Amino acid sequence: MVNKLDKSRFNADLRLPPNNFTQNLQKYQGTMITALMAGLLPGCFLLPTNRDIPLTPNVTPHEIVNNINLFKNSTITMKGRPIQQVGIASFLVIDRQRFNIFGNKRILVINGTGQPFKLPNNPNTVIQVTGDVQRFSLPDIERKYNLQLQREYYTGYENQPVIVARSLGLSVLPGEVTRNPDELYGEVVTATGRVEDLIRPTGFRLKETQFLGGAELLVLYEGRVLPVNNGDLVAVTGVVQPFIASKLDREYRLNWDFNQKKDLALRYSNQPVLIAQKLSFVTDR
């Protein structure tokens, strides 16, 4: 098992700072941005503005490195393959496609989640990162994110693009969890899909979007009602556990009544469930 759920951080981790992506986009010019706008902006206007969870555009390492002025100070979601450990809490990530006609740019990721993250042994494993894009300045990063970094590891990265991660997990589809739960129990993963069948007050089913009739994964979160609606496209980071109603009800504040607990136990007993640590809305690219 890689990481365990730190329940004390849950509510704080759901409240990320405002996203500056739209403001930066208005300032940036060029033909590449025209193309990016078509992919990144449509979802920005579909969600109510009073939500306390940000909309994070899905981008690639290549897009960030080539357009740092667009993404600087923004919160983004990125998928890629980790290729090299840099410091104790940092590593390099490249595009998830092994061959990229534009060149496979790499970007530094610093783990700012407050939890350890072990790089996967398989070099083809894709991870998902949600975090803040900055230009690297060791004193600025340390001060802004309350981190202590080892200076000797970061020679040559000054002023280069960096992502300070607010969530990190193996990138999975809901169906990959439901089909292979034994391989993922206890692991921190990030699953992306659409919200279906809200289970008030603290859960929903997450449905795959890639395939018609895609698999669904039960998601539970502790102690609060999140402003999600059916049809929302979200990325959920959390720990995969078997659904054992008595254990979950004891360890997490799920606020189930007797009938709800009974119904869920009958439906999901010993199936996998994702205990959410962090959630963000994402654009559909």
Protein backbone atom coordinates (compact mmCIF):
# COMPACT_ATOMS: atom_id res chain seq x y z
CA MET A 1 0.00 0.00 0.00
CA VAL A 2 1.33 3.42 -0.94
CA ASN A 3 -0.65 6.03 0.94
CA LYS A 4 -3.40 6.14 3.53
CA LEU A 5 -6.18 8.67 3.78
CA ASP A 6 -5.37 11.64 5.99
CA LYS A 7 -8.86 12.58 7.16
CA SER A 8 -7.73 15.74 8.95
CA ARG A 9 -6.80 17.35 5.60
CA PHE A 10 -9.96 16.52 3.69
CA ASN A 11 -12.04 19.69 4.00
CA ALA A 12 -9.05 21.99 3.55
CA ASP A 13 -7.88 20.17 0.43
CA LEU A 14 -11.23 20.69 -1.24
CA ARG A 15 -10.85 24.46 -1.10
CA LEU A 16 -8.20 25.45 -3.65
CA PRO A 17 -7.34 29.08 -4.42
CA PRO A 18 -9.09 30.88 -7.29
CA ASN A 19 -7.98 29.79 -10.73
CA ASN A 20 -6.30 32.51 -12.81
CA PHE A 21 -6.50 30.55 -16.06
CA THR A 22 -9.20 32.66 -17.71
CA GLN A 23 -7.54 35.96 -16.74
CA ASN A 24 -4.18 34.80 -18.09
CA LEU A 25 -5.76 33.52 -21.28
CA GLN A 26 -7.13 36.97 -22.07
CA LYS A 27 -3.63 38.41 -21.85
CA TYR A 28 -1.89 35.85 -24.02
CA GLN A 29 -1.74 36.15 -27.80
CA GLY A 30 -0.76 33.76 -30.60
CA THR A 31 -2.10 31.10 -32.88
CA MET A 32 -1.37 28.28 -30.45
CA ILE A 33 -3.65 29.92 -27.90
CA THR A 34 -6.47 30.13 -30.43
CA ALA A 35 -6.28 26.35 -30.73
CA LEU A 36 -6.09 25.89 -26.97
CA MET A 37 -9.12 28.10 -26.41
CA ALA A 38 -11.25 25.79 -28.47
CA GLY A 39 -10.30 22.86 -26.23
CA LEU A 40 -10.12 24.49 -22.83
CA LEU A 41 -12.77 27.15 -22.60
CA PRO A 42 -16.15 25.59 -23.44
CA GLY A 43 -16.65 24.04 -19.99
CA CYS A 44 -15.77 27.22 -18.15
CA PHE A 45 -19.24 28.68 -18.61
CA LEU A 46 -21.28 25.60 -17.77
CA LEU A 47 -20.79 25.70 -14.01
CA PRO A 48 -22.24 28.11 -11.43
CA THR A 49 -19.72 30.73 -10.35
CA ASN A 50 -20.39 30.29 -6.62
CA ARG A 51 -18.82 26.85 -6.35
CA ASP A 52 -15.90 26.55 -3.98
CA ILE A 53 -14.19 23.85 -6.10
CA PRO A 54 -12.28 25.20 -9.10
CA LEU A 55 -12.66 24.27 -12.74
CA THR A 56 -9.26 22.99 -13.83
CA PRO A 57 -8.34 22.70 -17.51
CA ASN A 58 -6.85 19.40 -18.67
CA VAL A 59 -3.44 20.14 -20.20
CA THR A 60 -0.25 18.30 -21.13
CA PRO A 61 3.35 18.89 -20.03
CA HIS A 62 4.10 20.08 -23.56
CA GLU A 63 1.37 22.74 -23.44
CA ILE A 64 2.54 24.07 -20.09
CA VAL A 65 6.23 24.23 -21.01
CA ASN A 66 5.50 25.96 -24.32
CA ASN A 67 2.93 28.37 -22.87
CA ILE A 68 4.12 29.15 -19.35
CA ASN A 69 2.79 32.72 -19.49
CA LEU A 70 -0.69 31.36 -20.16
CA PHE A 71 -0.72 28.91 -17.28
CA LYS A 72 1.41 30.66 -14.64
CA ASN A 73 -0.46 31.07 -11.31
CA SER A 74 -3.28 28.85 -12.58
CA THR A 75 -4.56 25.57 -11.17
CA ILE A 76 -4.48 22.84 -13.82
CA THR A 77 -4.99 19.11 -14.18
CA MET A 78 -2.33 17.18 -16.06
CA LYS A 79 -1.80 13.53 -16.96
CA GLY A 80 1.66 12.21 -17.73
CA ARG A 81 4.30 9.59 -17.09
CA PRO A 82 6.79 10.17 -14.25
CA ILE A 83 10.27 9.40 -15.52
CA GLN A 84 12.78 10.52 -12.91
CA GLN A 85 12.94 11.33 -9.21
CA VAL A 86 14.58 14.73 -8.65
CA GLY A 87 14.37 15.56 -4.94
CA ILE A 88 12.80 13.75 -2.03
CA ALA A 89 9.44 15.28 -2.91
CA SER A 90 9.78 16.05 -6.63
CA PHE A 91 10.05 14.31 -9.98
CA LEU A 92 9.91 14.89 -13.73
CA VAL A 93 6.82 14.12 -15.83
CA ILE A 94 6.47 13.83 -19.60
CA ASP A 95 3.45 13.45 -21.90
CA ARG A 96 1.62 10.18 -21.48
CA GLN A 97 2.02 9.42 -25.20
CA ARG A 98 5.44 7.90 -25.67
CA PHE A 99 5.87 9.63 -29.05
CA ASN A 100 4.86 13.25 -29.53
CA ILE A 101 5.29 14.99 -32.89
CA PHE A 102 6.05 18.22 -31.03
CA GLY A 103 8.75 16.64 -28.88
CA ASN A 104 8.28 15.11 -25.46
CA LYS A 105 8.72 18.02 -23.06
CA ARG A 106 9.27 17.28 -19.40
CA ILE A 107 8.13 19.33 -16.43
CA LEU A 108 9.10 19.35 -12.76
CA VAL A 109 6.39 18.38 -10.27
CA ILE A 110 6.78 19.14 -6.56
CA ASN A 111 4.61 17.20 -4.14
CA GLY A 112 2.74 19.80 -2.11
CA THR A 113 -0.01 17.47 -0.90
CA GLY A 114 1.44 16.88 2.55
CA GLN A 115 1.39 13.13 1.91
CA PRO A 116 4.16 10.90 0.52
CA PHE A 117 3.87 9.75 -3.08
CA LYS A 118 5.84 6.80 -4.38
CA LEU A 119 6.57 6.77 -8.09
CA PRO A 120 5.15 3.69 -9.84
CA ASN A 121 7.61 0.98 -10.81
CA ASN A 122 6.12 0.61 -14.29
CA PRO A 123 7.51 3.42 -16.51
CA ASN A 124 4.34 3.35 -18.62
CA THR A 125 2.06 4.09 -15.67
CA VAL A 126 0.16 7.36 -16.06
CA ILE A 127 -0.43 9.62 -13.09
CA GLN A 128 -2.75 12.59 -12.72
CA VAL A 129 -1.62 15.82 -11.09
CA THR A 130 -3.77 18.76 -10.05
CA GLY A 131 -1.78 21.75 -8.90
CA ASP A 132 -0.49 25.27 -9.38
CA VAL A 133 1.76 26.26 -12.28
CA GLN A 134 4.69 28.52 -11.33
CA ARG A 135 8.11 29.50 -12.54
CA PHE A 136 10.59 27.79 -10.24
CA SER A 137 12.15 29.96 -7.55
CA LEU A 138 13.22 27.93 -4.55
CA PRO A 139 12.67 30.65 -1.88
CA ASP A 140 9.34 31.68 -3.41
CA ILE A 141 8.05 28.10 -3.62
CA GLU A 142 9.15 27.35 -0.07
CA ARG A 143 7.51 30.48 1.30
CA LYS A 144 4.26 30.28 -0.65
CA TYR A 145 3.62 26.58 -0.04
CA ASN A 146 5.33 26.16 3.34
CA LEU A 147 7.79 23.60 1.95
CA GLN A 148 11.38 22.76 2.78
CA LEU A 149 13.28 21.76 -0.35
CA GLN A 150 16.85 20.52 -0.70
CA ARG A 151 18.68 23.16 -2.75
CA GLU A 152 21.22 20.75 -4.21
CA TYR A 153 18.54 18.90 -6.20
CA TYR A 154 17.26 21.96 -8.05
CA THR A 155 20.33 23.32 -9.80
CA GLY A 156 19.31 24.21 -13.34
CA TYR A 157 15.58 24.52 -12.66
CA GLU A 158 15.55 28.23 -11.77
CA ASN A 159 12.81 30.09 -13.67
CA GLN A 160 11.66 26.87 -15.37
CA PRO A 161 7.99 25.77 -15.31
CA VAL A 162 7.01 23.77 -12.25
CA ILE A 163 3.75 22.35 -10.91
CA VAL A 164 3.22 22.36 -7.15
CA ALA A 165 0.84 19.42 -6.77
CA ARG A 166 -2.25 19.66 -4.61
CA SER A 167 -3.32 16.14 -5.50
CA LEU A 168 -1.43 13.17 -6.93
CA GLY A 169 -2.66 9.74 -7.86
CA LEU A 170 -2.44 6.91 -10.32
CA SER A 171 -4.64 7.88 -13.25
CA VAL A 172 -7.42 5.30 -13.61
CA LEU A 173 -10.82 4.89 -15.19
CA PRO A 174 -13.69 3.94 -12.89
CA GLY A 175 -13.88 0.59 -14.66
CA GLU A 176 -10.23 -0.19 -13.99
CA VAL A 177 -10.97 0.05 -10.28
CA THR A 178 -14.11 -2.07 -10.41
CA ARG A 179 -12.46 -4.74 -12.60
CA ASN A 180 -9.17 -4.99 -10.66
CA PRO A 181 -9.90 -3.86 -7.10
CA ASP A 182 -7.44 -6.21 -5.41
CA GLU A 183 -4.54 -4.52 -7.22
CA LEU A 184 -5.66 -1.08 -6.07
CA TYR A 185 -6.90 -1.53 -2.50
CA GLY A 186 -5.02 0.91 -0.29
CA GLU A 187 -3.65 2.87 -3.25
CA VAL A 188 -4.18 6.56 -3.90
CA VAL A 189 -5.72 6.98 -7.36
CA THR A 190 -7.32 9.73 -9.39
CA ALA A 191 -10.42 8.70 -11.32
CA THR A 192 -12.14 10.98 -13.83
CA GLY A 193 -15.74 10.62 -14.92
CA ARG A 194 -19.22 12.08 -14.76
CA VAL A 195 -21.30 12.32 -11.61
CA GLU A 196 -24.31 10.03 -11.62
CA ASP A 197 -26.90 9.11 -9.02
CA LEU A 198 -26.13 11.39 -6.11
CA ILE A 199 -26.24 9.51 -2.81
CA ARG A 200 -27.16 12.18 -0.29
CA PRO A 201 -25.53 13.46 1.73
CA THR A 202 -22.03 12.14 1.08
CA GLY A 203 -21.61 10.21 -2.14
CA PHE A 204 -22.26 9.58 -5.81
CA ARG A 205 -21.49 7.14 -8.59
CA LEU A 206 -18.68 8.09 -10.98
CA LYS A 207 -19.30 6.93 -14.57
CA GLU A 208 -16.76 6.45 -17.33
CA THR A 209 -17.11 8.83 -20.26
CA GLN A 210 -14.94 7.05 -22.84
CA PHE A 211 -17.34 4.26 -23.64
CA LEU A 212 -21.08 3.93 -24.09
CA GLY A 213 -22.45 2.16 -21.06
CA GLY A 214 -19.17 2.69 -19.19
CA ALA A 215 -18.47 1.25 -15.77
CA GLU A 216 -19.35 3.07 -12.56
CA LEU A 217 -17.48 3.50 -9.30
CA LEU A 218 -18.97 4.43 -5.93
CA VAL A 219 -17.41 7.58 -4.45
CA LEU A 220 -17.86 8.57 -0.80
CA TYR A 221 -16.64 11.70 0.93
CA GLU A 222 -16.64 12.55 4.58
CA GLY A 223 -18.69 15.00 6.54
CA ARG A 224 -19.93 17.59 4.06
CA VAL A 225 -22.21 18.03 1.07
CA LEU A 226 -20.24 18.93 -2.04
CA PRO A 227 -21.76 21.18 -4.71
CA VAL A 228 -21.81 18.53 -7.44
CA ASN A 229 -24.68 17.74 -9.75
CA ASN A 230 -25.53 14.86 -12.02
CA GLY A 231 -23.57 15.19 -15.26
CA ASP A 232 -20.63 17.14 -13.82
CA LEU A 233 -17.23 16.02 -15.11
CA VAL A 234 -14.92 15.65 -12.11
CA ALA A 235 -11.55 14.26 -11.12
CA VAL A 236 -11.59 12.52 -7.74
CA THR A 237 -8.43 11.63 -5.82
CA GLY A 238 -8.69 9.24 -2.92
CA VAL A 239 -7.99 5.81 -1.49
CA VAL A 240 -9.57 2.63 -2.87
CA GLN A 241 -11.16 0.45 -0.19
CA PRO A 242 -13.57 -2.48 -0.10
CA PHE A 243 -17.11 -1.47 0.77
CA ILE A 244 -17.69 -2.73 4.29
CA ALA A 245 -20.57 -0.65 5.59
CA SER A 246 -19.91 -1.01 9.30
CA LYS A 247 -16.21 -0.15 8.92
CA LEU A 248 -16.83 2.85 6.66
CA ASP A 249 -19.60 4.17 8.88
CA ARG A 250 -17.34 3.84 11.91
CA GLU A 251 -14.25 5.46 10.40
CA TYR A 252 -15.82 8.28 8.39
CA ARG A 253 -18.64 10.73 9.06
CA LEU A 254 -20.91 9.56 6.26
CA ASN A 255 -24.19 10.48 7.99
CA TRP A 256 -26.20 7.52 6.72
CA ASP A 257 -29.57 6.67 8.20
CA PHE A 258 -30.44 3.07 8.97
CA ASN A 259 -32.31 2.36 5.71
CA GLN A 260 -29.64 4.02 3.58
CA LYS A 261 -26.89 2.02 5.26
CA LYS A 262 -28.85 -1.20 4.69
CA ASP A 263 -29.55 -0.44 1.01
CA LEU A 264 -25.93 0.50 0.28
CA ALA A 265 -24.63 -2.61 2.03
CA LEU A 266 -26.87 -4.83 -0.10
CA ARG A 267 -25.85 -3.10 -3.31
CA TYR A 268 -22.12 -2.56 -2.81
CA SER A 269 -20.96 -5.11 -0.22
CA ASN A 270 -17.30 -6.07 -0.87
CA GLN A 271 -17.16 -3.98 -4.02
CA PRO A 272 -14.54 -1.24 -4.32
CA VAL A 273 -15.29 2.28 -3.16
CA LEU A 274 -13.22 5.43 -3.61
CA ILE A 275 -12.89 7.42 -0.36
CA ALA A 276 -12.37 10.92 -1.71
CA GLN A 277 -9.63 13.22 -0.48
CA LYS A 278 -9.84 15.85 -3.20
CA LEU A 279 -12.19 16.72 -6.02
CA SER A 280 -12.01 19.18 -8.90
CA PHE A 281 -14.14 19.98 -11.89
CA VAL A 282 -12.38 19.48 -15.20
CA THR A 283 -12.98 20.57 -18.77
CA ASP A 284 -13.98 17.96 -21.33
CA ARG A 285 -11.25 17.74 -23.97
